[in-house]
Amino acid sequence: MPAPKLELQNIIRRFDGQTVVDGLSLTLAAGEVTCLLGPSGCGKSTTLRIAAGVDRQNAGAVLIDGQVVSDAAGHMPPEARNIGMMFQDFALFPHLDVEGNVGFGLHGGRGAKKERVAELLHKVGLDGFETKYPHMLSGGEQQRVALARALAPKPQVLLMDEPFSGLDDRLRDDVRDATLEILKVENTAVLMVTHEPEEAMRMADQIALMRAGRIVQAGAPYNMYNAPVDGQAAGFFSDVNVIEGAVKNALTETPFGQFLTPGMVDGTKVEIIIRPQHLKLDFDRKGRGPNPTVKDGVPARGQVKRARYLGHQSLVEFAMDYDGSVLKVLVPGVFLPNVETALWLSMRRDRCFLFKK
């Protein structure tokens, strides 16, 4: 089995006595995109800088293609690591044209360099842009030039620090998709930092969710979304409803009846988490009272507190009769009931996550 293209082993980084990266380990394979995902200040960018070699860890090791490039014994500079880097601002040289920017880090004869530049410009859809300067390009075009420049030396690893954050929403999706296609063709191992869960889900083969300098969960996007490790992880990927309660006789009382909580001692505080799209409105009940079902449990009544149309769906918030707690429900299409309208809700128990509080 080939060695990982990038491996971070038990990385620790401290600043002024504060631990910013705390025992982080991660591996990347060729052709794999890994997203470091998390809120601002969780240590994502510091981890990326350590992988690049522009910052040095206090403990742990960095390996590229099986070779140690940084540990307690030594530290290889960034320019010797055969890595590419892309940043938020693209960092193009304003005094160089597109050909000069893309070919800046290339070695060898003029003919070979020119051929590699032409190959990459074709891949990023910028044929004929060789003599244009950065100020003559749109944001999306500048991003594609930056990508071509980063890939030009055929790096084993590409490090990307929120490279799409400067693009408007409509352009961002197209540029991300095109970038991902090129990265797969080049078979480059990619470590990308982002704070946007949707971007990570769209781009990554593997997501590493960070919190307070640690990776709290790592895996494929499907598993991260559908099997979160805790309530915070579930809430990072989408809006969630949190129903709190305490265990009694292996059961927890909720607005939707008793919820099985086996293996927990009496008095244990728990939170039951369900996403808004998995709560259902019972339009047929019309306030006639509960009618338990196996799948959806006991319906519960709430009063409409707010309703907003989001385009392809509506978000309705309810104040529950049971305890006054507020639950959000996503309804397909246009549904804007009046405030204080009473409606019955049912909960998909097979779509709930249960965690100790």
Protein backbone atom coordinates (compact mmCIF):
# COMPACT_ATOMS: atom_id res chain seq x y z
CA MET A 1 0.00 0.00 0.00
CA PRO A 2 1.51 3.37 -1.00
CA ALA A 3 2.42 5.86 1.71
CA PRO A 4 0.01 8.75 2.29
CA LYS A 5 0.92 11.86 0.32
CA LEU A 6 0.53 13.97 3.46
CA GLU A 7 0.58 12.77 7.04
CA LEU A 8 0.28 14.84 10.20
CA GLN A 9 1.25 12.92 13.34
CA ASN A 10 0.12 14.17 16.76
CA ILE A 11 0.66 17.85 15.90
CA ILE A 12 0.75 20.28 18.83
CA ARG A 13 1.10 24.05 18.41
CA ARG A 14 1.11 26.59 21.21
CA PHE A 15 1.14 30.39 21.12
CA ASP A 16 1.89 32.32 24.32
CA GLY A 17 1.07 29.31 26.45
CA GLN A 18 -2.24 28.61 24.69
CA THR A 19 -2.65 25.34 22.80
CA VAL A 20 -4.07 26.12 19.34
CA VAL A 21 -3.58 22.67 17.77
CA ASP A 22 -3.86 19.82 20.25
CA GLY A 23 -2.65 16.37 19.23
CA LEU A 24 -3.98 16.46 15.67
CA SER A 25 -3.37 13.50 13.34
CA LEU A 26 -4.50 13.26 9.72
CA THR A 27 -3.56 11.42 6.50
CA LEU A 28 -4.25 12.27 2.84
CA ALA A 29 -4.03 9.94 -0.13
CA ALA A 30 -3.33 10.85 -3.75
CA GLY A 31 -6.41 12.15 -5.53
CA GLU A 32 -8.23 12.70 -2.24
CA VAL A 33 -9.73 16.01 -1.09
CA THR A 34 -9.84 16.45 2.68
CA CYS A 35 -11.57 19.46 4.21
CA LEU A 36 -10.58 20.83 7.58
CA LEU A 37 -13.93 22.19 8.73
CA GLY A 38 -14.73 24.20 11.82
CA PRO A 39 -15.54 27.61 13.29
CA SER A 40 -13.12 30.53 13.30
CA GLY A 41 -10.31 30.09 15.81
CA CYS A 42 -10.48 26.27 15.97
CA GLY A 43 -6.93 25.82 14.55
CA LYS A 44 -7.69 25.06 10.88
CA SER A 45 -5.41 27.65 9.29
CA THR A 46 -2.63 27.00 11.80
CA THR A 47 -2.74 23.32 10.82
CA LEU A 48 -2.52 24.28 7.15
CA ARG A 49 0.48 26.56 7.79
CA ILE A 50 2.24 23.74 9.66
CA ALA A 51 1.63 21.37 6.73
CA ALA A 52 3.01 24.05 4.38
CA GLY A 53 6.11 24.63 6.52
CA VAL A 54 5.52 28.35 7.04
CA ASP A 55 4.84 27.60 10.71
CA ARG A 56 6.49 24.95 12.89
CA GLN A 57 4.76 22.74 15.42
CA ASN A 58 5.93 22.42 19.03
CA ALA A 59 5.56 18.65 18.87
CA GLY A 60 4.64 15.97 16.36
CA ALA A 61 5.75 15.29 12.80
CA VAL A 62 4.81 16.18 9.21
CA LEU A 63 5.47 13.63 6.46
CA ILE A 64 5.12 14.08 2.69
CA ASP A 65 5.12 10.93 0.57
CA GLY A 66 6.50 8.98 3.52
CA GLN A 67 9.41 11.37 4.14
CA VAL A 68 9.63 13.33 7.39
CA VAL A 69 9.77 17.02 6.49
CA SER A 70 9.32 18.44 10.00
CA ASP A 71 9.78 17.04 13.48
CA ALA A 72 11.85 17.75 16.59
CA ALA A 73 15.05 16.91 14.69
CA GLY A 74 14.62 19.17 11.67
CA HIS A 75 12.39 21.33 9.51
CA MET A 76 12.30 21.42 5.70
CA PRO A 77 11.40 24.87 4.25
CA PRO A 78 8.19 25.25 2.18
CA GLU A 79 10.01 25.62 -1.14
CA ALA A 80 11.64 22.19 -0.73
CA ARG A 81 8.42 20.28 0.05
CA ASN A 82 6.87 19.96 -3.43
CA ILE A 83 3.55 21.42 -2.31
CA GLY A 84 1.20 23.91 -3.95
CA MET A 85 -0.69 26.62 -2.09
CA MET A 86 -3.85 28.62 -2.82
CA PHE A 87 -5.13 31.45 -0.66
CA GLN A 88 -8.29 33.51 -0.23
CA ASP A 89 -6.94 36.49 -2.16
CA PHE A 90 -5.35 34.34 -4.96
CA ALA A 91 -2.04 36.26 -4.42
CA LEU A 92 -1.34 36.74 -8.13
CA PHE A 93 1.65 38.87 -9.12
CA PRO A 94 0.15 42.10 -10.56
CA HIS A 95 3.25 42.87 -12.67
CA LEU A 96 3.17 39.49 -14.44
CA ASP A 97 0.73 38.41 -17.13
CA VAL A 98 -1.19 35.14 -16.88
CA GLU A 99 1.58 33.13 -18.54
CA GLY A 100 4.14 34.64 -16.19
CA ASN A 101 2.02 33.91 -13.12
CA VAL A 102 1.30 30.29 -14.03
CA GLY A 103 4.90 29.60 -15.06
CA PHE A 104 6.50 31.39 -12.11
CA GLY A 105 7.45 28.26 -10.13
CA LEU A 106 8.38 26.10 -13.10
CA HIS A 107 11.89 24.92 -13.90
CA GLY A 108 13.38 23.62 -17.14
CA GLY A 109 13.55 24.95 -20.68
CA ARG A 110 11.35 27.68 -22.06
CA GLY A 111 9.59 25.32 -24.43
CA ALA A 112 8.66 22.84 -21.69
CA LYS A 113 7.45 25.63 -19.41
CA LYS A 114 5.34 27.14 -22.15
CA GLU A 115 3.82 23.74 -22.94
CA ARG A 116 2.89 23.12 -19.27
CA VAL A 117 1.33 26.59 -18.95
CA ALA A 118 -0.73 26.05 -22.12
CA GLU A 119 -1.86 22.63 -20.85
CA LEU A 120 -3.10 24.04 -17.55
CA LEU A 121 -4.76 27.10 -19.06
CA HIS A 122 -6.67 24.75 -21.33
CA LYS A 123 -7.75 22.65 -18.32
CA VAL A 124 -9.03 25.70 -16.45
CA GLY A 125 -10.77 27.10 -19.54
CA LEU A 126 -8.50 30.10 -20.08
CA ASP A 127 -7.07 29.43 -23.53
CA GLY A 128 -5.87 32.68 -25.07
CA PHE A 129 -5.48 34.50 -21.73
CA GLU A 130 -1.67 34.23 -21.67
CA THR A 131 -0.98 37.95 -22.19
CA LYS A 132 -3.69 39.31 -19.89
CA TYR A 133 -2.82 40.80 -16.50
CA PRO A 134 -4.60 40.06 -13.19
CA HIS A 135 -6.41 43.42 -13.12
CA MET A 136 -8.02 42.54 -16.47
CA LEU A 137 -9.59 39.33 -15.07
CA SER A 138 -12.80 38.64 -13.20
CA GLY A 139 -12.71 37.05 -9.74
CA GLY A 140 -13.48 33.62 -11.16
CA GLU A 141 -10.77 33.96 -13.80
CA GLN A 142 -8.22 35.05 -11.19
CA GLN A 143 -9.13 32.01 -9.09
CA ARG A 144 -8.55 29.69 -12.06
CA VAL A 145 -5.17 31.31 -12.78
CA ALA A 146 -4.22 30.79 -9.13
CA LEU A 147 -5.24 27.14 -9.40
CA ALA A 148 -3.19 26.67 -12.58
CA ARG A 149 -0.16 28.30 -10.92
CA ALA A 150 -0.47 26.07 -7.85
CA LEU A 151 -0.68 22.92 -9.98
CA ALA A 152 1.99 23.89 -12.51
CA PRO A 153 4.97 22.23 -10.74
CA LYS A 154 2.89 19.02 -10.29
CA PRO A 155 2.92 19.16 -6.47
CA GLN A 156 2.23 16.02 -4.47
CA VAL A 157 0.06 18.02 -2.10
CA LEU A 158 -2.10 21.12 -2.65
CA LEU A 159 -3.02 23.25 0.36
CA MET A 160 -6.06 25.53 -0.04
CA ASP A 161 -7.05 28.19 2.50
CA GLU A 162 -10.70 29.13 1.84
CA PRO A 163 -9.91 29.68 -1.86
CA PHE A 164 -13.52 30.36 -2.92
CA SER A 165 -14.55 32.80 -0.18
CA GLY A 166 -13.92 35.87 -2.36
CA LEU A 167 -16.35 34.78 -5.08
CA ASP A 168 -20.05 35.59 -5.22
CA ASP A 169 -22.45 32.73 -4.49
CA ARG A 170 -23.57 32.01 -8.07
CA LEU A 171 -20.02 31.95 -9.43
CA ARG A 172 -18.66 29.98 -6.49
CA ASP A 173 -20.55 26.78 -7.31
CA ASP A 174 -19.34 26.70 -10.92
CA VAL A 175 -15.72 27.43 -9.97
CA ARG A 176 -15.73 24.82 -7.19
CA ASP A 177 -17.07 22.15 -9.51
CA ALA A 178 -14.51 22.96 -12.20
CA THR A 179 -11.70 23.01 -9.62
CA LEU A 180 -12.70 19.63 -8.21
CA GLU A 181 -12.72 18.08 -11.69
CA ILE A 182 -9.21 19.37 -12.41
CA LEU A 183 -7.86 18.19 -9.05
CA LYS A 184 -9.15 14.67 -9.69
CA VAL A 185 -7.55 14.60 -13.14
CA GLU A 186 -4.22 15.79 -11.69
CA ASN A 187 -4.46 13.11 -8.91
CA THR A 188 -3.33 15.65 -6.33
CA ALA A 189 -3.78 15.17 -2.57
CA VAL A 190 -5.67 18.24 -1.35
CA LEU A 191 -6.05 19.70 2.13
CA MET A 192 -8.59 22.51 2.12
CA VAL A 193 -9.62 24.77 4.97
CA THR A 194 -13.20 26.01 5.11
CA HIS A 195 -15.73 27.13 7.70
CA GLU A 196 -18.69 26.38 5.40
CA PRO A 197 -20.26 22.90 5.87
CA GLU A 198 -21.96 23.02 2.45
CA GLU A 199 -18.62 23.65 0.76
CA ALA A 200 -17.00 20.78 2.62
CA MET A 201 -19.88 18.44 1.72
CA ARG A 202 -19.61 19.48 -1.93
CA MET A 203 -15.83 19.23 -2.27
CA ALA A 204 -14.52 16.62 0.14
CA ASP A 205 -13.88 12.91 0.01
CA GLN A 206 -13.15 13.20 3.73
CA ILE A 207 -14.14 15.86 6.26
CA ALA A 208 -12.21 16.47 9.46
CA LEU A 209 -14.36 18.49 11.86
CA MET A 210 -12.25 20.58 14.22
CA ARG A 211 -13.10 22.12 17.57
CA ALA A 212 -10.69 23.81 19.98
CA GLY A 213 -7.61 22.49 18.16
CA ARG A 214 -8.75 18.88 17.94
CA ILE A 215 -10.40 16.75 15.28
CA VAL A 216 -13.63 15.66 16.96
CA GLN A 217 -14.88 13.58 14.03
CA ALA A 218 -13.58 12.56 10.61
CA GLY A 219 -15.15 10.64 7.77
CA ALA A 220 -17.02 10.77 4.48
CA PRO A 221 -19.59 13.57 4.10
CA TYR A 222 -22.53 11.13 4.27
CA ASN A 223 -21.34 9.69 7.58
CA MET A 224 -20.57 13.10 9.06
CA TYR A 225 -24.10 14.30 8.32
CA ASN A 226 -26.01 11.16 9.24
CA ALA A 227 -23.96 9.88 12.18
CA PRO A 228 -22.71 12.95 14.09
CA VAL A 229 -20.55 12.28 17.11
CA ASP A 230 -22.38 14.79 19.33
CA GLY A 231 -24.99 17.55 19.29
CA GLN A 232 -22.52 20.24 18.28
CA ALA A 233 -21.41 18.18 15.29
CA ALA A 234 -25.01 17.65 14.21
CA GLY A 235 -25.74 21.37 14.53
CA PHE A 236 -22.68 22.37 12.54
CA PHE A 237 -24.03 20.80 9.35
CA SER A 238 -27.60 22.15 9.50
CA ASP A 239 -30.25 23.72 11.69
CA VAL A 240 -31.42 21.32 14.40
CA ASN A 241 -34.15 21.13 16.99
CA VAL A 242 -32.98 20.17 20.47
CA ILE A 243 -35.45 18.55 22.86
CA GLU A 244 -34.08 18.29 26.38
CA GLY A 245 -35.13 15.88 29.06
CA ALA A 246 -34.08 13.59 31.90
CA VAL A 247 -34.08 9.80 31.98
CA LYS A 248 -36.51 7.93 34.21
CA ASN A 249 -36.86 4.16 33.98
CA ALA A 250 -34.95 4.13 30.66
CA LEU A 251 -37.46 6.62 29.18
CA THR A 252 -37.38 10.38 28.55
CA GLU A 253 -40.55 12.47 28.39
CA THR A 254 -40.85 14.73 25.32
CA PRO A 255 -43.67 16.68 23.63
CA PHE A 256 -44.00 13.61 21.39
CA GLY A 257 -44.43 11.11 24.20
CA GLN A 258 -41.87 8.89 25.88
CA PHE A 259 -38.56 8.34 24.11
CA LEU A 260 -36.54 5.18 24.71
CA THR A 261 -33.18 5.96 26.35
CA PRO A 262 -31.86 2.52 27.36
CA GLY A 263 -28.65 2.03 29.29
CA MET A 264 -28.81 5.41 31.02
CA VAL A 265 -29.26 5.83 34.76
CA ASP A 266 -32.20 7.75 36.14
CA GLY A 267 -31.63 11.49 36.23
CA THR A 268 -29.23 11.54 33.28
CA LYS A 269 -29.86 14.69 31.25
CA VAL A 270 -30.13 14.07 27.53
CA GLU A 271 -30.80 15.98 24.35
CA ILE A 272 -32.79 14.54 21.48
CA ILE A 273 -31.85 16.20 18.21
CA ILE A 274 -33.89 16.23 15.02
CA ARG A 275 -33.47 18.32 11.89
CA PRO A 276 -36.37 20.59 10.80
CA GLN A 277 -37.02 18.56 7.63
CA HIS A 278 -37.73 15.45 9.73
CA LEU A 279 -40.57 16.97 11.72
CA LYS A 280 -43.89 16.57 9.89
CA LEU A 281 -47.07 18.61 10.00
CA ASP A 282 -50.26 16.60 10.38
CA PHE A 283 -52.67 18.57 8.19
CA ASP A 284 -55.50 16.06 8.65
CA ARG A 285 -55.69 16.04 12.42
CA LYS A 286 -57.15 19.55 12.79
CA GLY A 287 -56.70 19.57 16.52
CA ARG A 288 -58.65 16.40 17.27
CA GLY A 289 -56.00 15.04 19.63
CA PRO A 290 -53.14 12.52 19.55
CA ASN A 291 -53.18 9.31 17.58
CA PRO A 292 -49.91 7.41 18.21
CA THR A 293 -48.16 5.59 15.37
CA VAL A 294 -45.14 3.30 15.57
CA LYS A 295 -42.90 5.33 13.26
CA ASP A 296 -43.84 8.88 14.16
CA GLY A 297 -44.70 8.50 17.84
CA VAL A 298 -47.24 10.73 19.58
CA PRO A 299 -48.24 13.91 17.72
CA ALA A 300 -47.85 17.15 19.66
CA ARG A 301 -49.63 20.46 19.18
CA GLY A 302 -47.95 23.80 18.71
CA GLN A 303 -48.87 27.38 17.89
CA VAL A 304 -47.31 29.05 14.84
CA LYS A 305 -44.85 31.65 16.00
CA ARG A 306 -43.29 32.63 12.67
CA ALA A 307 -43.40 31.47 9.04
CA ARG A 308 -40.92 32.37 6.29
CA TYR A 309 -40.78 31.43 2.63
CA LEU A 310 -37.27 30.33 1.53
CA GLY A 311 -37.89 29.71 -2.18
CA HIS A 312 -38.30 25.97 -2.63
CA GLN A 313 -39.54 25.45 0.94
CA SER A 314 -40.99 27.24 3.95
CA LEU A 315 -39.63 27.41 7.49
CA VAL A 316 -42.31 27.44 10.20
CA GLU A 317 -41.53 27.91 13.90
CA PHE A 318 -43.86 26.54 16.56
CA ALA A 319 -44.21 27.25 20.28
CA MET A 320 -45.14 23.84 21.66
CA ASP A 321 -48.12 23.49 24.00
CA TYR A 322 -46.20 20.89 26.03
CA ASP A 323 -43.57 23.24 27.45
CA GLY A 324 -43.39 26.40 25.33
CA SER A 325 -40.21 25.27 23.60
CA VAL A 326 -39.74 26.42 20.00
CA LEU A 327 -39.34 23.86 17.20
CA LYS A 328 -38.62 24.56 13.52
CA VAL A 329 -40.22 22.65 10.67
CA LEU A 330 -39.25 22.74 6.98
CA VAL A 331 -42.23 22.33 4.66
CA PRO A 332 -41.87 21.87 0.88
CA GLY A 333 -43.25 24.70 -1.27
CA VAL A 334 -45.22 27.70 -0.02
CA PHE A 335 -46.77 27.31 3.44
CA LEU A 336 -47.29 30.50 5.44
CA PRO A 337 -49.90 29.91 8.17
CA ASN A 338 -50.99 32.82 10.32
CA VAL A 339 -49.34 33.42 13.68
CA GLU A 340 -51.04 31.49 16.54
CA THR A 341 -52.51 28.92 14.17
CA ALA A 342 -52.63 25.59 16.04
CA LEU A 343 -51.22 22.57 14.19
CA TRP A 344 -50.12 19.06 15.12
CA LEU A 345 -46.55 17.89 14.58
CA SER A 346 -45.11 14.39 14.50
CA MET A 347 -41.47 13.38 14.87
CA ARG A 348 -39.54 10.84 12.80
CA ARG A 349 -37.99 8.83 15.59
CA ASP A 350 -35.68 6.99 13.19
CA ARG A 351 -34.20 10.38 12.26
CA CYS A 352 -33.40 11.46 15.80
CA PHE A 353 -29.97 11.62 17.45
CA LEU A 354 -29.67 10.99 21.19
CA PHE A 355 -26.78 12.37 23.24
CA LYS A 356 -26.00 12.87 26.90
CA LYS A 357 -26.10 16.57 27.72
